Amino acid sequence: MPHTWGYSPGMIDGPVKSLAGKHAAITGGGRGIGAAIAEALAEQGAKLSLLGRNVQVLEATASRLREDFGVDVCCAGADVGDEAQVRQAFADIKARQGTVDILVNNAGIALSSPFLKSDAAFWKKIFDVDLMGAVYAAQAVLPDMQKANWGRIVNIASTAGLTGMAYVTAYCAAKHGMVGFTRALAIELAKTGITVNAVCPGYTDTDIVANSLDTITAKTGRSREEALANLLSHNPQGRLVQPFEVGGTLAWLCSDAANSVTGQSIVLAGGELMP
């Protein structure tokens, strides 16, 4: 069921579409957090481009968004860790939907391994997707944003980008890099009308967490309930973040109400971190 972020009581003509006329591109937009972000931005009137490796998954999400919100949605297949594929995908969506006003770098992988068992190929795989994918996408859209003197770049990082976690050294390093990239680019673009922010969710109710629970139960023999309790042991609210909460945060960051918000790492983790 769609969630409403633009409605306030007493409106006669329905919700205000704060992003009407804007074009948002979302990497990894087919499922989980990416799909929830797409829904939130569509609800605010943005037309969308979804990018990812599985075009069938993207098209299924796009079809639902068109039906639910009546917005234009196109899809482009690309591995964000491949610079040439990213460049081509953004050229394709520009030809179909126009210049990108909002970029959401959501695509990512979360692989675990003890540090001494993670070789160079393992590190490269994670960095290519979790950090360089955002770099490639930002380089593709920034020239048009600069010409327009307006833009939003939102990088989906993680609480792992703000603290350390065992057995995910490469992932933590890549997400710390994402936060540093966000801060540096925000300063560089501060006078241009383009804001750059990171959103750092804690454990979120997505396939990635479900897969992590499967791995924990397989390796430790713990029940799924025990494994989940362990993941949530440092979360004061004691629950998984819901994808629509991330979507709502994105809708706000992309609105004019957040014009002065840039270079920030916004934590959605039930009070687990207070940077």
C-alpha atoms as a PDB file:
ATOM      1  CA  MET A   1       0.000   0.000   0.000  1.00  0.00           C
ATOM      2  CA  PRO A   2       1.431   3.461  -0.878  1.00  0.00           C
ATOM      3  CA  HIS A   3       2.596   5.665   1.989  1.00  0.00           C
ATOM      4  CA  THR A   4       1.781   9.367   1.952  1.00  0.00           C
ATOM      5  CA  TRP A   5       4.405  11.982   2.791  1.00  0.00           C
ATOM      6  CA  GLY A   6       2.979  15.014   0.960  1.00  0.00           C
ATOM      7  CA  TYR A   7      -0.477  15.175   2.517  1.00  0.00           C
ATOM      8  CA  SER A   8      -1.560  17.552   5.259  1.00  0.00           C
ATOM      9  CA  PRO A   9      -5.104  17.881   6.628  1.00  0.00           C
ATOM     10  CA  GLY A  10      -7.337  20.493   5.092  1.00  0.00           C
ATOM     11  CA  MET A  11      -5.938  20.338   1.552  1.00  0.00           C
ATOM     12  CA  ILE A  12      -8.802  20.752  -0.881  1.00  0.00           C
ATOM     13  CA  ASP A  13      -7.140  19.541  -4.048  1.00  0.00           C
ATOM     14  CA  GLY A  14      -5.234  16.601  -2.556  1.00  0.00           C
ATOM     15  CA  PRO A  15      -1.562  16.164  -1.764  1.00  0.00           C
ATOM     16  CA  VAL A  16       1.032  18.642  -2.979  1.00  0.00           C
ATOM     17  CA  LYS A  17       3.383  16.976  -5.464  1.00  0.00           C
ATOM     18  CA  SER A  18       6.646  18.522  -4.311  1.00  0.00           C
ATOM     19  CA  LEU A  19       8.738  16.815  -7.011  1.00  0.00           C
ATOM     20  CA  ALA A  20       6.439  17.280 -10.004  1.00  0.00           C
ATOM     21  CA  GLY A  21       8.542  17.941 -13.088  1.00  0.00           C
ATOM     22  CA  LYS A  22      11.680  16.394 -11.593  1.00  0.00           C
ATOM     23  CA  HIS A  23      13.441  13.341 -12.980  1.00  0.00           C
ATOM     24  CA  ALA A  24      14.911  10.950 -10.417  1.00  0.00           C
ATOM     25  CA  ALA A  25      17.338   8.161 -11.272  1.00  0.00           C
ATOM     26  CA  ILE A  26      17.702   5.365  -8.720  1.00  0.00           C
ATOM     27  CA  THR A  27      20.358   2.693  -8.936  1.00  0.00           C
ATOM     28  CA  GLY A  28      19.314  -0.657  -7.521  1.00  0.00           C
ATOM     29  CA  GLY A  29      15.743   0.572  -7.832  1.00  0.00           C
ATOM     30  CA  GLY A  30      14.010  -2.738  -8.377  1.00  0.00           C
ATOM     31  CA  ARG A  31      13.557  -4.072  -4.864  1.00  0.00           C
ATOM     32  CA  GLY A  32      14.029  -3.371  -1.160  1.00  0.00           C
ATOM     33  CA  ILE A  33      15.185   0.107  -0.199  1.00  0.00           C
ATOM     34  CA  GLY A  34      15.523   1.169  -3.839  1.00  0.00           C
ATOM     35  CA  ALA A  35      11.920   0.274  -4.646  1.00  0.00           C
ATOM     36  CA  ALA A  36      10.695   2.050  -1.501  1.00  0.00           C
ATOM     37  CA  ILE A  37      12.619   5.173  -2.520  1.00  0.00           C
ATOM     38  CA  ALA A  38      11.128   4.980  -6.001  1.00  0.00           C
ATOM     39  CA  GLU A  39       7.647   4.773  -4.475  1.00  0.00           C
ATOM     40  CA  ALA A  40       8.235   7.773  -2.217  1.00  0.00           C
ATOM     41  CA  LEU A  41       9.543   9.934  -5.057  1.00  0.00           C
ATOM     42  CA  ALA A  42       6.791   8.798  -7.419  1.00  0.00           C
ATOM     43  CA  GLU A  43       4.219   9.749  -4.813  1.00  0.00           C
ATOM     44  CA  GLN A  44       5.669  13.251  -4.879  1.00  0.00           C
ATOM     45  CA  GLY A  45       5.218  13.410  -8.654  1.00  0.00           C
ATOM     46  CA  ALA A  46       8.738  12.675  -9.903  1.00  0.00           C
ATOM     47  CA  LYS A  47       9.230  10.752 -13.107  1.00  0.00           C
ATOM     48  CA  LEU A  48      11.661   7.901 -12.587  1.00  0.00           C
ATOM     49  CA  SER A  49      14.476   5.933 -14.135  1.00  0.00           C
ATOM     50  CA  LEU A  50      15.395   2.665 -12.443  1.00  0.00           C
ATOM     51  CA  LEU A  51      18.834   1.166 -13.028  1.00  0.00           C
ATOM     52  CA  GLY A  52      20.140  -2.245 -12.062  1.00  0.00           C
ATOM     53  CA  ARG A  53      21.431  -5.579 -13.287  1.00  0.00           C
ATOM     54  CA  ASN A  54      18.106  -7.439 -13.354  1.00  0.00           C
ATOM     55  CA  VAL A  55      15.887  -5.703 -15.899  1.00  0.00           C
ATOM     56  CA  GLN A  56      12.960  -8.054 -15.233  1.00  0.00           C
ATOM     57  CA  VAL A  57      12.883  -7.020 -11.583  1.00  0.00           C
ATOM     58  CA  LEU A  58      13.146  -3.354 -12.570  1.00  0.00           C
ATOM     59  CA  GLU A  59      10.291  -3.662 -15.067  1.00  0.00           C
ATOM     60  CA  ALA A  60       8.024  -5.340 -12.509  1.00  0.00           C
ATOM     61  CA  THR A  61       8.586  -2.473 -10.073  1.00  0.00           C
ATOM     62  CA  ALA A  62       8.170   0.097 -12.853  1.00  0.00           C
ATOM     63  CA  SER A  63       4.835  -1.408 -13.885  1.00  0.00           C
ATOM     64  CA  ARG A  64       3.536  -1.183 -10.317  1.00  0.00           C
ATOM     65  CA  LEU A  65       4.685   2.430  -9.957  1.00  0.00           C
ATOM     66  CA  ARG A  66       3.024   3.452 -13.206  1.00  0.00           C
ATOM     67  CA  GLU A  67      -0.225   1.864 -12.094  1.00  0.00           C
ATOM     68  CA  ASP A  68      -0.169   3.213  -8.536  1.00  0.00           C
ATOM     69  CA  PHE A  69       1.068   6.756  -9.180  1.00  0.00           C
ATOM     70  CA  GLY A  70       0.567   7.494 -12.880  1.00  0.00           C
ATOM     71  CA  VAL A  71       4.180   8.581 -13.383  1.00  0.00           C
ATOM     72  CA  ASP A  72       6.566   7.923 -16.234  1.00  0.00           C
ATOM     73  CA  VAL A  73       9.095   5.207 -15.385  1.00  0.00           C
ATOM     74  CA  CYS A  74      11.839   3.800 -17.577  1.00  0.00           C
ATOM     75  CA  CYS A  75      14.393   1.084 -16.835  1.00  0.00           C
ATOM     76  CA  ALA A  76      18.007   0.570 -17.853  1.00  0.00           C
ATOM     77  CA  GLY A  77      20.154  -2.468 -17.266  1.00  0.00           C
ATOM     78  CA  ALA A  78      23.628  -1.822 -15.911  1.00  0.00           C
ATOM     79  CA  ASP A  79      26.224  -3.146 -13.492  1.00  0.00           C
ATOM     80  CA  VAL A  80      27.075   0.004 -11.540  1.00  0.00           C
ATOM     81  CA  GLY A  81      30.584  -1.299 -10.950  1.00  0.00           C
ATOM     82  CA  ASP A  82      31.291  -1.036 -14.683  1.00  0.00           C
ATOM     83  CA  GLU A  83      31.978   2.566 -15.709  1.00  0.00           C
ATOM     84  CA  ALA A  84      31.154   2.032 -19.389  1.00  0.00           C
ATOM     85  CA  GLN A  85      27.810   0.416 -18.566  1.00  0.00           C
ATOM     86  CA  VAL A  86      26.914   3.248 -16.191  1.00  0.00           C
ATOM     87  CA  ARG A  87      27.801   5.886 -18.777  1.00  0.00           C
ATOM     88  CA  GLN A  88      25.675   4.151 -21.421  1.00  0.00           C
ATOM     89  CA  ALA A  89      22.730   3.617 -19.081  1.00  0.00           C
ATOM     90  CA  PHE A  90      22.602   7.281 -18.135  1.00  0.00           C
ATOM     91  CA  ALA A  91      22.867   8.318 -21.778  1.00  0.00           C
ATOM     92  CA  ASP A  92      19.903   6.044 -22.532  1.00  0.00           C
ATOM     93  CA  ILE A  93      17.694   7.378 -19.743  1.00  0.00           C
ATOM     94  CA  LYS A  94      18.549  10.976 -20.644  1.00  0.00           C
ATOM     95  CA  ALA A  95      17.418  10.305 -24.214  1.00  0.00           C
ATOM     96  CA  ARG A  96      14.150   8.832 -22.931  1.00  0.00           C
ATOM     97  CA  GLN A  97      13.334  10.942 -19.861  1.00  0.00           C
ATOM     98  CA  GLY A  98      15.479  14.066 -20.092  1.00  0.00           C
ATOM     99  CA  THR A  99      18.203  15.276 -17.785  1.00  0.00           C
ATOM    100  CA  VAL A 100      18.455  13.841 -14.286  1.00  0.00           C
ATOM    101  CA  ASP A 101      17.554  16.215 -11.446  1.00  0.00           C
ATOM    102  CA  ILE A 102      17.812  13.702  -8.598  1.00  0.00           C
ATOM    103  CA  LEU A 103      20.344  10.890  -8.325  1.00  0.00           C
ATOM    104  CA  VAL A 104      19.943   8.205  -5.687  1.00  0.00           C
ATOM    105  CA  ASN A 105      22.968   5.933  -5.411  1.00  0.00           C
ATOM    106  CA  ASN A 106      21.344   2.944  -3.784  1.00  0.00           C
ATOM    107  CA  ALA A 107      22.865  -0.094  -5.510  1.00  0.00           C
ATOM    108  CA  GLY A 108      25.133  -2.066  -3.214  1.00  0.00           C
ATOM    109  CA  ILE A 109      26.305  -5.470  -2.079  1.00  0.00           C
ATOM    110  CA  ALA A 110      26.980  -6.632   1.469  1.00  0.00           C
ATOM    111  CA  LEU A 111      29.447  -9.532   1.592  1.00  0.00           C
ATOM    112  CA  SER A 112      31.052 -10.815   4.774  1.00  0.00           C
ATOM    113  CA  SER A 113      34.396 -12.503   5.292  1.00  0.00           C
ATOM    114  CA  PRO A 114      37.102 -12.601   7.969  1.00  0.00           C
ATOM    115  CA  PHE A 115      39.706 -10.021   7.034  1.00  0.00           C
ATOM    116  CA  LEU A 116      42.517 -12.509   6.403  1.00  0.00           C
ATOM    117  CA  LYS A 117      40.258 -14.516   4.086  1.00  0.00           C
ATOM    118  CA  SER A 118      39.264 -11.529   1.944  1.00  0.00           C
ATOM    119  CA  ASP A 119      41.594 -11.237  -1.038  1.00  0.00           C
ATOM    120  CA  ALA A 120      42.112  -8.359  -3.459  1.00  0.00           C
ATOM    121  CA  ALA A 121      39.365  -9.581  -5.786  1.00  0.00           C
ATOM    122  CA  PHE A 122      36.880  -9.609  -2.880  1.00  0.00           C
ATOM    123  CA  TRP A 123      37.793  -6.036  -1.937  1.00  0.00           C
ATOM    124  CA  LYS A 124      37.639  -4.841  -5.539  1.00  0.00           C
ATOM    125  CA  LYS A 125      34.195  -6.357  -6.060  1.00  0.00           C
ATOM    126  CA  ILE A 126      32.765  -4.531  -3.054  1.00  0.00           C
ATOM    127  CA  PHE A 127      34.486  -1.220  -3.768  1.00  0.00           C
ATOM    128  CA  ASP A 128      33.476  -1.277  -7.441  1.00  0.00           C
ATOM    129  CA  VAL A 129      29.784  -1.558  -6.553  1.00  0.00           C
ATOM    130  CA  ASP A 130      29.489   0.132  -3.149  1.00  0.00           C
ATOM    131  CA  LEU A 131      31.695   3.157  -3.832  1.00  0.00           C
ATOM    132  CA  MET A 132      32.787   3.515  -7.443  1.00  0.00           C
ATOM    133  CA  GLY A 133      29.250   2.934  -8.721  1.00  0.00           C
ATOM    134  CA  ALA A 134      28.216   6.145  -6.958  1.00  0.00           C
ATOM    135  CA  VAL A 135      31.230   7.973  -8.369  1.00  0.00           C
ATOM    136  CA  TYR A 136      30.454   6.885 -11.935  1.00  0.00           C
ATOM    137  CA  ALA A 137      26.778   7.830 -11.625  1.00  0.00           C
ATOM    138  CA  ALA A 138      27.528  11.239 -10.119  1.00  0.00           C
ATOM    139  CA  GLN A 139      30.003  12.006 -12.890  1.00  0.00           C
ATOM    140  CA  ALA A 140      27.335  11.106 -15.441  1.00  0.00           C
ATOM    141  CA  VAL A 141      24.659  13.480 -14.114  1.00  0.00           C
ATOM    142  CA  LEU A 142      26.587  16.395 -12.608  1.00  0.00           C
ATOM    143  CA  PRO A 143      27.217  18.417 -15.777  1.00  0.00           C
ATOM    144  CA  ASP A 144      23.472  18.768 -16.409  1.00  0.00           C
ATOM    145  CA  MET A 145      22.768  19.537 -12.754  1.00  0.00           C
ATOM    146  CA  GLN A 146      25.379  22.284 -12.852  1.00  0.00           C
ATOM    147  CA  LYS A 147      23.798  23.796 -15.957  1.00  0.00           C
ATOM    148  CA  ALA A 148      20.425  23.800 -14.191  1.00  0.00           C
ATOM    149  CA  ASN A 149      21.866  25.202 -10.933  1.00  0.00           C
ATOM    150  CA  TRP A 150      19.805  22.598  -9.053  1.00  0.00           C
ATOM    151  CA  GLY A 151      20.221  18.983  -8.153  1.00  0.00           C
ATOM    152  CA  ARG A 152      20.031  16.337  -5.470  1.00  0.00           C
ATOM    153  CA  ILE A 153      22.527  13.530  -4.982  1.00  0.00           C
ATOM    154  CA  VAL A 154      21.668  11.116  -2.183  1.00  0.00           C
ATOM    155  CA  ASN A 155      24.005   8.247  -1.404  1.00  0.00           C
ATOM    156  CA  ILE A 156      22.631   5.266   0.490  1.00  0.00           C
ATOM    157  CA  ALA A 157      25.453   4.425   2.859  1.00  0.00           C
ATOM    158  CA  SER A 158      24.969   2.486   6.107  1.00  0.00           C
ATOM    159  CA  THR A 159      25.667   2.662   9.801  1.00  0.00           C
ATOM    160  CA  ALA A 160      28.709   0.636   8.701  1.00  0.00           C
ATOM    161  CA  GLY A 161      29.920   3.878   7.113  1.00  0.00           C
ATOM    162  CA  LEU A 162      30.096   5.516  10.539  1.00  0.00           C
ATOM    163  CA  THR A 163      31.377   2.748  12.801  1.00  0.00           C
ATOM    164  CA  GLY A 164      33.262  -0.538  12.632  1.00  0.00           C
ATOM    165  CA  MET A 165      31.737  -4.003  12.357  1.00  0.00           C
ATOM    166  CA  ALA A 166      33.454  -7.363  12.528  1.00  0.00           C
ATOM    167  CA  TYR A 167      33.724  -9.600   9.459  1.00  0.00           C
ATOM    168  CA  VAL A 168      32.638  -6.880   7.030  1.00  0.00           C
ATOM    169  CA  THR A 169      35.894  -4.948   6.815  1.00  0.00           C
ATOM    170  CA  ALA A 170      35.674  -4.307   3.083  1.00  0.00           C
ATOM    171  CA  TYR A 171      32.014  -3.281   3.293  1.00  0.00           C
ATOM    172  CA  CYS A 172      32.740  -0.901   6.189  1.00  0.00           C
ATOM    173  CA  ALA A 173      35.667   0.611   4.320  1.00  0.00           C
ATOM    174  CA  ALA A 174      33.580   1.130   1.181  1.00  0.00           C
ATOM    175  CA  LYS A 175      30.710   2.709   3.110  1.00  0.00           C
ATOM    176  CA  HIS A 176      33.128   4.956   5.029  1.00  0.00           C
ATOM    177  CA  GLY A 177      34.394   5.960   1.595  1.00  0.00           C
ATOM    178  CA  MET A 178      30.823   6.732   0.543  1.00  0.00           C
ATOM    179  CA  VAL A 179      30.399   9.048   3.534  1.00  0.00           C
ATOM    180  CA  GLY A 180      33.707  10.777   2.806  1.00  0.00           C
ATOM    181  CA  PHE A 181      32.764  11.127  -0.861  1.00  0.00           C
ATOM    182  CA  THR A 182      29.456  12.676   0.182  1.00  0.00           C
ATOM    183  CA  ARG A 183      31.064  15.229   2.465  1.00  0.00           C
ATOM    184  CA  ALA A 184      33.790  16.274   0.033  1.00  0.00           C
ATOM    185  CA  LEU A 185      31.471  16.593  -2.964  1.00  0.00           C
ATOM    186  CA  ALA A 186      28.936  18.552  -0.886  1.00  0.00           C
ATOM    187  CA  ILE A 187      31.575  21.175  -0.083  1.00  0.00           C
ATOM    188  CA  GLU A 188      32.730  21.342  -3.694  1.00  0.00           C
ATOM    189  CA  LEU A 189      29.156  21.918  -4.914  1.00  0.00           C
ATOM    190  CA  ALA A 190      27.853  24.029  -2.039  1.00  0.00           C
ATOM    191  CA  LYS A 191      27.418  27.215  -4.095  1.00  0.00           C
ATOM    192  CA  THR A 192      25.807  25.525  -7.095  1.00  0.00           C
ATOM    193  CA  GLY A 193      22.303  24.714  -5.860  1.00  0.00           C
ATOM    194  CA  ILE A 194      23.192  21.021  -5.737  1.00  0.00           C
ATOM    195  CA  THR A 195      23.053  19.205  -2.411  1.00  0.00           C
ATOM    196  CA  VAL A 196      24.822  15.945  -1.623  1.00  0.00           C
ATOM    197  CA  ASN A 197      23.820  13.839   1.365  1.00  0.00           C
ATOM    198  CA  ALA A 198      24.134  10.313   2.679  1.00  0.00           C
ATOM    199  CA  VAL A 199      21.452   8.242   4.354  1.00  0.00           C
ATOM    200  CA  CYS A 200      22.790   5.610   6.731  1.00  0.00           C
ATOM    201  CA  PRO A 201      20.218   2.950   7.608  1.00  0.00           C
ATOM    202  CA  GLY A 202      20.824   0.315  10.228  1.00  0.00           C
ATOM    203  CA  TYR A 203      19.603  -3.232   9.675  1.00  0.00           C
ATOM    204  CA  THR A 204      16.634  -2.883   7.331  1.00  0.00           C
ATOM    205  CA  ASP A 205      13.878  -5.341   6.476  1.00  0.00           C
ATOM    206  CA  THR A 206      15.201  -6.299   3.025  1.00  0.00           C
ATOM    207  CA  ASP A 207      16.509  -9.316   1.147  1.00  0.00           C
ATOM    208  CA  ILE A 208      20.061  -8.432   2.222  1.00  0.00           C
ATOM    209  CA  VAL A 209      19.194  -8.861   5.898  1.00  0.00           C
ATOM    210  CA  ALA A 210      17.187 -11.999   5.146  1.00  0.00           C
ATOM    211  CA  ASN A 211      20.228 -13.456   3.391  1.00  0.00           C
ATOM    212  CA  SER A 212      22.430 -12.461   6.326  1.00  0.00           C
ATOM    213  CA  LEU A 213      20.122 -14.290   8.702  1.00  0.00           C
ATOM    214  CA  ASP A 214      20.303 -17.374   6.485  1.00  0.00           C
ATOM    215  CA  THR A 215      24.098 -17.228   6.602  1.00  0.00           C
ATOM    216  CA  ILE A 216      24.196 -16.812  10.379  1.00  0.00           C
ATOM    217  CA  THR A 217      21.838 -19.700  10.990  1.00  0.00           C
ATOM    218  CA  ALA A 218      23.761 -21.938   8.594  1.00  0.00           C
ATOM    219  CA  LYS A 219      27.149 -21.158  10.123  1.00  0.00           C
ATOM    220  CA  THR A 220      26.235 -20.997  13.817  1.00  0.00           C
ATOM    221  CA  GLY A 221      23.248 -23.305  14.221  1.00  0.00           C
ATOM    222  CA  ARG A 222      21.286 -20.519  15.910  1.00  0.00           C
ATOM    223  CA  SER A 223      17.592 -20.205  15.222  1.00  0.00           C
ATOM    224  CA  ARG A 224      16.461 -17.391  12.937  1.00  0.00           C
ATOM    225  CA  GLU A 225      14.899 -15.625  15.935  1.00  0.00           C
ATOM    226  CA  GLU A 226      18.194 -15.800  17.839  1.00  0.00           C
ATOM    227  CA  ALA A 227      20.114 -14.532  14.841  1.00  0.00           C
ATOM    228  CA  LEU A 228      17.743 -11.591  14.415  1.00  0.00           C
ATOM    229  CA  ALA A 229      17.904 -10.766  18.128  1.00  0.00           C
ATOM    230  CA  ASN A 230      21.685 -10.669  17.858  1.00  0.00           C
ATOM    231  CA  LEU A 231      21.555  -8.249  14.907  1.00  0.00           C
ATOM    232  CA  LEU A 232      19.167  -5.985  16.809  1.00  0.00           C
ATOM    233  CA  SER A 233      20.936  -6.162  20.164  1.00  0.00           C
ATOM    234  CA  HIS A 234      22.422  -2.663  19.785  1.00  0.00           C
ATOM    235  CA  ASN A 235      19.256  -1.024  18.447  1.00  0.00           C
ATOM    236  CA  PRO A 236      17.393   0.733  21.295  1.00  0.00           C
ATOM    237  CA  GLN A 237      14.095   0.360  19.433  1.00  0.00           C
ATOM    238  CA  GLY A 238      14.749  -3.349  19.012  1.00  0.00           C
ATOM    239  CA  ARG A 239      13.398  -3.565  15.467  1.00  0.00           C
ATOM    240  CA  LEU A 240      14.382  -3.570  11.822  1.00  0.00           C
ATOM    241  CA  VAL A 241      14.162  -0.301   9.915  1.00  0.00           C
ATOM    242  CA  GLN A 242      11.350  -0.443   7.358  1.00  0.00           C
ATOM    243  CA  PRO A 243      12.167   0.457   3.747  1.00  0.00           C
ATOM    244  CA  PHE A 244       9.382   3.060   3.558  1.00  0.00           C
ATOM    245  CA  GLU A 245      11.127   5.002   6.347  1.00  0.00           C
ATOM    246  CA  VAL A 246      14.166   5.372   4.109  1.00  0.00           C
ATOM    247  CA  GLY A 247      11.885   6.391   1.255  1.00  0.00           C
ATOM    248  CA  GLY A 248      10.276   9.099   3.345  1.00  0.00           C
ATOM    249  CA  THR A 249      13.668  10.500   4.308  1.00  0.00           C
ATOM    250  CA  LEU A 250      14.643  10.634   0.637  1.00  0.00           C
ATOM    251  CA  ALA A 251      11.445  12.456  -0.294  1.00  0.00           C
ATOM    252  CA  TRP A 252      12.257  15.134   2.277  1.00  0.00           C
ATOM    253  CA  LEU A 253      15.915  15.460   1.251  1.00  0.00           C
ATOM    254  CA  CYS A 254      14.851  15.968  -2.354  1.00  0.00           C
ATOM    255  CA  SER A 255      12.305  18.666  -1.503  1.00  0.00           C
ATOM    256  CA  ASP A 256      12.904  22.400  -1.221  1.00  0.00           C
ATOM    257  CA  ALA A 257      12.460  22.048   2.550  1.00  0.00           C
ATOM    258  CA  ALA A 258      15.975  20.533   2.573  1.00  0.00           C
ATOM    259  CA  ASN A 259      17.690  23.217   0.480  1.00  0.00           C
ATOM    260  CA  SER A 260      20.193  23.934   3.252  1.00  0.00           C
ATOM    261  CA  VAL A 261      20.887  20.304   4.111  1.00  0.00           C
ATOM    262  CA  THR A 262      24.103  19.138   2.481  1.00  0.00           C
ATOM    263  CA  GLY A 263      27.093  17.032   3.444  1.00  0.00           C
ATOM    264  CA  GLN A 264      25.059  15.214   6.084  1.00  0.00           C
ATOM    265  CA  SER A 265      24.976  11.550   7.069  1.00  0.00           C
ATOM    266  CA  ILE A 266      21.442  10.932   8.293  1.00  0.00           C
ATOM    267  CA  VAL A 267      21.209   7.867  10.485  1.00  0.00           C
ATOM    268  CA  LEU A 268      18.070   5.716  10.497  1.00  0.00           C
ATOM    269  CA  ALA A 269      18.833   3.128  13.138  1.00  0.00           C
ATOM    270  CA  GLY A 270      16.499   3.491  16.094  1.00  0.00           C
ATOM    271  CA  GLY A 271      19.020   5.423  18.169  1.00  0.00           C
ATOM    272  CA  GLU A 272      21.860   2.912  17.651  1.00  0.00           C
ATOM    273  CA  LEU A 273      24.248   5.677  16.546  1.00  0.00           C
ATOM    274  CA  MET A 274      24.114   9.350  17.454  1.00  0.00           C
ATOM    275  CA  PRO A 275      26.952  10.977  15.466  1.00  0.00           C
END
